[in-house]
Protein backbone atom coordinates (compact mmCIF):
# COMPACT_ATOMS: atom_id res chain seq x y z
CA MET A 1 -1.57 -7.96 -7.47
CA ARG A 2 -2.29 -4.86 -5.41
CA GLN A 3 -1.30 -1.36 -6.55
CA GLN A 4 1.33 -0.25 -4.02
CA LEU A 5 3.71 -1.33 -1.29
CA GLN A 6 3.06 0.50 1.98
CA PHE A 7 6.52 1.54 3.09
CA GLY A 8 6.21 3.42 6.37
CA ARG A 9 6.12 7.12 5.46
CA TYR A 10 6.24 6.22 1.75
CA ASN A 11 4.16 4.29 -0.76
CA PHE A 12 5.80 2.65 -3.77
CA PRO A 13 3.50 2.08 -6.77
CA LEU A 14 3.66 -1.43 -8.22
CA ALA A 15 2.24 -0.53 -11.62
CA GLY A 16 0.97 2.38 -13.67
CA GLU A 17 1.83 6.02 -13.05
CA GLY A 18 4.69 6.49 -10.62
CA TYR A 19 5.95 2.92 -10.96
CA ARG A 20 9.68 2.39 -11.28
CA PRO A 21 12.11 -0.10 -9.78
CA ARG A 22 13.57 1.15 -6.48
CA VAL A 23 17.20 1.15 -5.44
CA MET A 24 18.05 0.12 -1.86
CA GLY A 25 21.56 1.11 -0.85
CA ILE A 26 23.44 -1.07 1.62
CA LEU A 27 24.87 0.64 4.71
CA ASN A 28 26.73 -1.92 6.80
CA VAL A 29 27.81 -0.59 10.19
CA THR A 30 29.76 -3.78 10.85
CA PRO A 31 33.48 -4.52 11.12
CA ASP A 32 33.26 -7.81 9.20
CA SER A 33 30.81 -7.49 6.30
CA PHE A 34 31.94 -9.48 3.27
CA SER A 35 32.09 -6.56 0.85
CA ASP A 36 32.53 -3.27 2.68
CA GLY A 37 33.28 -4.42 6.21
CA GLY A 38 34.48 -1.71 8.54
CA HIS A 39 34.35 1.19 6.09
CA TYR A 40 31.22 2.76 7.53
CA GLN A 41 31.46 1.67 11.15
CA SER A 42 31.64 5.07 12.83
CA LEU A 43 28.56 7.27 12.92
CA GLU A 44 30.30 10.07 11.02
CA PHE A 45 31.40 7.78 8.19
CA ALA A 46 28.02 6.02 8.08
CA VAL A 47 26.13 9.30 7.73
CA SER A 48 28.61 10.55 5.14
CA HIS A 49 28.15 7.40 3.06
CA ALA A 50 24.37 7.67 3.39
CA GLU A 51 24.50 11.28 2.17
CA GLN A 52 26.61 10.15 -0.79
CA MET A 53 24.01 7.50 -1.70
CA ILE A 54 21.19 10.06 -1.37
CA GLY A 55 23.05 12.33 -3.79
CA GLN A 56 23.31 9.39 -6.19
CA GLY A 57 19.55 8.86 -6.24
CA VAL A 58 18.99 6.05 -3.72
CA ASP A 59 15.36 5.36 -2.73
CA ILE A 60 15.96 3.34 0.44
CA ILE A 61 18.94 2.99 2.79
CA ASP A 62 19.23 -0.41 4.48
CA VAL A 63 21.16 -0.17 7.76
CA GLY A 64 22.66 -3.38 9.14
CA GLY A 65 24.65 -3.86 12.32
CA GLU A 66 25.23 -7.62 12.22
CA SER A 67 27.11 -9.31 9.41
CA SER A 68 25.20 -12.09 7.66
CA ARG A 69 28.13 -13.18 5.49
CA PRO A 70 28.65 -16.96 5.32
CA GLY A 71 30.32 -18.15 8.52
CA ALA A 72 29.42 -15.04 10.53
CA PRO A 73 28.81 -15.63 14.26
CA ALA A 74 25.73 -14.17 15.97
CA LEU A 75 26.07 -10.69 17.50
CA PRO A 76 24.87 -9.87 21.03
CA LEU A 77 21.73 -7.70 21.15
CA GLU A 78 23.33 -4.76 22.96
CA GLN A 79 26.14 -4.54 20.43
CA GLU A 80 23.72 -4.48 17.52
CA LEU A 81 21.66 -1.74 19.18
CA GLN A 82 24.81 0.31 19.83
CA ARG A 83 25.77 0.05 16.16
CA VAL A 84 22.48 0.73 14.42
CA MET A 85 20.39 3.01 16.64
CA PRO A 86 22.53 6.17 16.36
CA VAL A 87 22.59 5.74 12.58
CA LEU A 88 18.81 5.23 12.35
CA TYR A 89 18.14 8.38 14.40
CA ALA A 90 20.67 10.34 12.35
CA LEU A 91 19.09 9.30 9.03
CA ARG A 92 15.37 9.23 9.74
CA ASP A 93 14.79 12.76 8.39
CA SER A 94 17.18 12.41 5.45
CA GLY A 95 14.41 12.49 2.84
CA VAL A 96 14.64 8.84 1.77
CA ALA A 97 13.12 5.67 3.19
CA ILE A 98 15.12 3.93 5.93
CA SER A 99 15.24 0.17 6.44
CA VAL A 100 16.88 -1.84 9.22
CA ASP A 101 18.37 -5.25 8.47
CA THR A 102 17.75 -7.32 11.61
CA TYR A 103 16.14 -10.53 12.86
CA LYS A 104 16.04 -9.54 16.56
CA PRO A 105 12.60 -8.46 17.85
CA GLN A 106 14.05 -5.96 20.32
CA VAL A 107 16.03 -4.23 17.56
CA MET A 108 12.83 -4.18 15.47
CA ARG A 109 10.94 -2.48 18.32
CA GLU A 110 13.63 0.14 18.89
CA ALA A 111 13.97 0.79 15.15
CA ILE A 112 10.21 1.32 14.79
CA ILE A 113 10.34 3.86 17.64
CA ALA A 114 13.17 5.57 15.74
CA GLY A 115 10.88 5.84 12.70
CA VAL A 116 12.19 3.29 10.20
CA ASP A 117 10.12 2.56 7.11
CA MET A 118 11.03 -1.13 6.66
CA ILE A 119 12.13 -4.11 8.72
CA ASN A 120 14.27 -6.36 6.52
CA ASP A 121 14.46 -9.77 8.26
CA ILE A 122 16.78 -12.47 6.90
CA ASN A 123 15.03 -14.90 9.27
CA GLY A 124 11.52 -14.32 7.88
CA PHE A 125 10.08 -13.07 11.20
CA ARG A 126 10.50 -16.52 12.76
CA ALA A 127 12.14 -15.41 16.02
CA PRO A 128 9.78 -15.60 19.02
CA GLY A 129 8.19 -12.16 19.38
CA ALA A 130 9.19 -10.89 15.93
CA ILE A 131 5.66 -10.74 14.52
CA GLU A 132 4.40 -9.09 17.71
CA ALA A 133 7.19 -6.53 17.50
CA VAL A 134 6.18 -5.34 14.03
CA ARG A 135 2.43 -6.01 13.98
CA ASP A 136 1.12 -2.61 15.08
CA SER A 137 3.51 -0.44 13.07
CA ASP A 138 3.05 0.84 9.52
CA CYS A 139 6.50 -0.10 8.21
CA ALA A 140 7.06 -2.47 5.32
CA LEU A 141 8.20 -6.00 6.17
CA CYS A 142 10.58 -7.94 3.95
CA ILE A 143 10.34 -11.70 4.42
CA MET A 144 13.52 -13.48 3.32
CA HIS A 145 14.24 -17.16 2.85
CA MET A 146 17.37 -18.59 4.44
CA GLN A 147 18.32 -22.24 4.85
CA SER A 148 20.06 -22.79 8.21
CA THR A 149 21.88 -19.80 9.83
CA PRO A 150 24.68 -17.53 8.56
CA ASP A 151 27.39 -19.45 10.43
CA THR A 152 26.49 -22.76 8.72
CA MET A 153 24.28 -21.90 5.71
CA GLN A 154 26.90 -22.38 3.01
CA GLN A 155 28.36 -25.66 4.28
CA GLN A 156 26.04 -28.02 2.37
CA PRO A 157 22.91 -26.32 0.98
CA SER A 158 20.47 -28.95 -0.24
CA TYR A 159 17.02 -28.88 -1.88
CA GLY A 160 14.83 -31.26 -3.82
CA ASP A 161 13.37 -28.34 -5.80
CA VAL A 162 14.77 -25.01 -4.67
CA VAL A 163 12.11 -22.85 -6.32
CA ALA A 164 9.23 -24.91 -4.95
CA GLU A 165 10.74 -25.05 -1.44
CA VAL A 166 11.53 -21.33 -1.27
CA THR A 167 8.03 -20.55 -2.56
CA ALA A 168 6.45 -22.83 0.06
CA PHE A 169 8.51 -21.25 2.86
CA LEU A 170 7.59 -17.70 1.82
CA ARG A 171 3.92 -18.66 1.45
CA GLU A 172 3.90 -20.07 4.99
CA ARG A 173 5.53 -16.93 6.43
CA ILE A 174 3.10 -14.66 4.55
CA ALA A 175 0.24 -16.69 6.05
CA ALA A 176 1.71 -16.37 9.55
CA LEU A 177 2.02 -12.59 9.29
CA THR A 178 -1.40 -12.02 7.76
CA ALA A 179 -2.98 -14.36 10.34
CA ALA A 180 -1.57 -12.03 13.01
CA GLY A 181 -3.51 -9.17 11.43
CA ILE A 182 -0.72 -7.62 9.36
CA ASP A 183 -1.93 -5.89 6.20
CA PRO A 184 -0.50 -7.72 3.17
CA ARG A 185 0.08 -4.31 1.57
CA ARG A 186 3.04 -4.00 3.96
CA LEU A 187 4.71 -7.23 2.81
CA CYS A 188 7.39 -8.01 0.26
CA ILE A 189 9.46 -11.12 -0.36
CA ASP A 190 13.15 -11.90 -0.86
CA PRO A 191 14.29 -15.33 -2.15
CA GLY A 192 17.54 -14.91 -0.22
CA PHE A 193 20.26 -15.19 -2.84
CA GLY A 194 23.37 -16.64 -1.22
CA PHE A 195 21.64 -17.59 2.02
CA GLY A 196 21.98 -21.37 2.08
CA LYS A 197 22.14 -21.80 -1.70
CA THR A 198 24.64 -23.07 -4.23
CA VAL A 199 25.38 -21.14 -7.42
CA ALA A 200 22.90 -23.36 -9.28
CA HIS A 201 20.22 -22.73 -6.64
CA ASN A 202 20.78 -18.97 -6.89
CA TYR A 203 20.39 -18.86 -10.66
CA ALA A 204 17.35 -21.13 -10.57
CA LEU A 205 15.75 -18.61 -8.21
CA LEU A 206 16.84 -15.63 -10.32
CA LYS A 207 15.25 -17.24 -13.39
CA ALA A 208 12.08 -17.80 -11.33
CA THR A 209 11.75 -14.18 -10.12
CA GLY A 210 8.60 -13.58 -12.16
CA GLN A 211 7.15 -16.91 -11.06
CA LEU A 212 7.68 -16.09 -7.38
CA ILE A 213 5.97 -12.72 -7.77
CA GLU A 214 3.05 -14.25 -9.65
CA GLN A 215 2.54 -17.19 -7.30
CA LEU A 216 2.86 -15.21 -4.05
CA GLY A 217 1.25 -11.97 -5.22
CA LEU A 218 3.75 -9.74 -3.47
CA PRO A 219 6.49 -7.35 -4.61
CA LEU A 220 9.99 -8.80 -4.59
CA LEU A 221 13.33 -7.50 -3.30
CA ALA A 222 16.43 -8.91 -5.02
CA GLY A 223 19.77 -8.71 -3.23
CA LEU A 224 22.59 -10.18 -5.30
CA SER A 225 25.07 -7.29 -5.40
CA ARG A 226 28.71 -8.50 -5.41
CA LYS A 227 27.72 -11.96 -4.13
CA SER A 228 29.55 -15.20 -4.87
CA MET A 229 26.92 -16.09 -7.51
CA ILE A 230 28.26 -13.13 -9.51
CA GLY A 231 31.87 -14.14 -8.92
CA ALA A 232 31.18 -17.74 -9.90
CA VAL A 233 30.01 -16.68 -13.38
CA THR A 234 32.45 -13.81 -14.00
CA GLY A 235 35.51 -15.19 -12.23
CA LYS A 236 35.95 -11.78 -10.57
CA PRO A 237 36.80 -10.99 -6.92
CA VAL A 238 34.34 -8.99 -4.79
CA GLU A 239 35.75 -5.58 -5.69
CA GLN A 240 35.43 -6.29 -9.45
CA ARG A 241 31.80 -7.47 -9.54
CA LEU A 242 30.11 -4.20 -10.53
CA ALA A 243 29.21 -5.15 -14.11
CA GLY A 244 27.98 -8.58 -13.06
CA SER A 245 25.94 -7.07 -10.23
CA LEU A 246 24.29 -4.61 -12.62
CA ALA A 247 23.41 -7.46 -14.96
CA GLY A 248 21.90 -9.41 -12.07
CA ALA A 249 19.86 -6.41 -10.92
CA LEU A 250 18.52 -5.85 -14.44
CA ALA A 251 17.71 -9.55 -14.82
CA ALA A 252 15.62 -9.38 -11.65
CA VAL A 253 13.92 -6.08 -12.55
CA ALA A 254 13.11 -7.32 -16.06
CA GLN A 255 11.06 -10.08 -14.40
CA GLY A 256 9.24 -7.68 -12.10
CA ALA A 257 11.43 -7.17 -9.01
CA LEU A 258 10.44 -3.89 -7.33
CA ILE A 259 13.55 -3.32 -5.21
CA VAL A 260 17.21 -4.12 -5.85
CA ARG A 261 19.52 -4.06 -2.84
CA VAL A 262 22.95 -2.86 -3.96
CA HIS A 263 26.37 -1.55 -2.94
CA ASP A 264 26.86 0.54 -6.09
CA VAL A 265 24.01 3.04 -6.06
CA ALA A 266 25.02 5.55 -8.76
CA GLU A 267 25.71 2.89 -11.37
CA THR A 268 22.52 0.97 -10.56
CA VAL A 269 20.38 4.12 -10.72
CA ASP A 270 21.80 4.91 -14.17
CA ALA A 271 21.34 1.35 -15.43
CA LEU A 272 17.71 1.33 -14.33
CA LYS A 273 17.00 4.73 -15.91
CA VAL A 274 18.22 3.41 -19.26
CA TRP A 275 16.36 0.12 -18.84
CA GLN A 276 13.12 1.94 -18.03
CA ALA A 277 13.51 4.39 -20.92
CA ALA A 278 13.64 1.37 -23.23
CA GLN A 279 10.40 -0.12 -21.88
């Protein structure tokens, strides 16, 4: 595997000196997100929360304007732009990497103009024009697997072999992006925990984190913070899933995940410091 992930204005080592797992803090500027919906909707509150995460040691802030919780309806383009663009411009010189969570090519284009360091696409850059929108930039691209769409994905997720099928999907998307001339050093993968998967599917993928990294040769982003897969094992509601989320993040990192996408930055940063000190 190569030595670093090109991340816009930043480079994250994948091994050797300078390597450490990276913490991506979630900043939802949505009224209906499953975990923190509405809390950070206004620009002032969003920036304040971002500053709090920066103080806690976050490496990347992932800004999302459209909820991708199970059952969420699609959001019109103009509304998404109105939500995310002021936040992206406000944060671009904050001293940490900035990611935008979107599957819309026009939002990708505007975000790149605003200076983001990553496009995090739950749709795996499948929308017409998505690859063209990101091709000539230098930002990192996170390719995620999702079965169906957010409004229907959790109705009846079905796979013959979830690990094999997710691997095949990601391999095909990697091929599509590299065929368009995109440097593979810009790419990372996300198995899409909770996106069209049952609890059993999610844990099969978590157990296969190292296998995915080895087979696809790319760094991996794991996003399982507070998700139903944590609640299913612990029996805890969303607001009581911190300990389970930390365990999930460490389970992914122990198998080689480079980035963990989390709600609870301070606690995750501390957990990873202790984990790395023990390596």
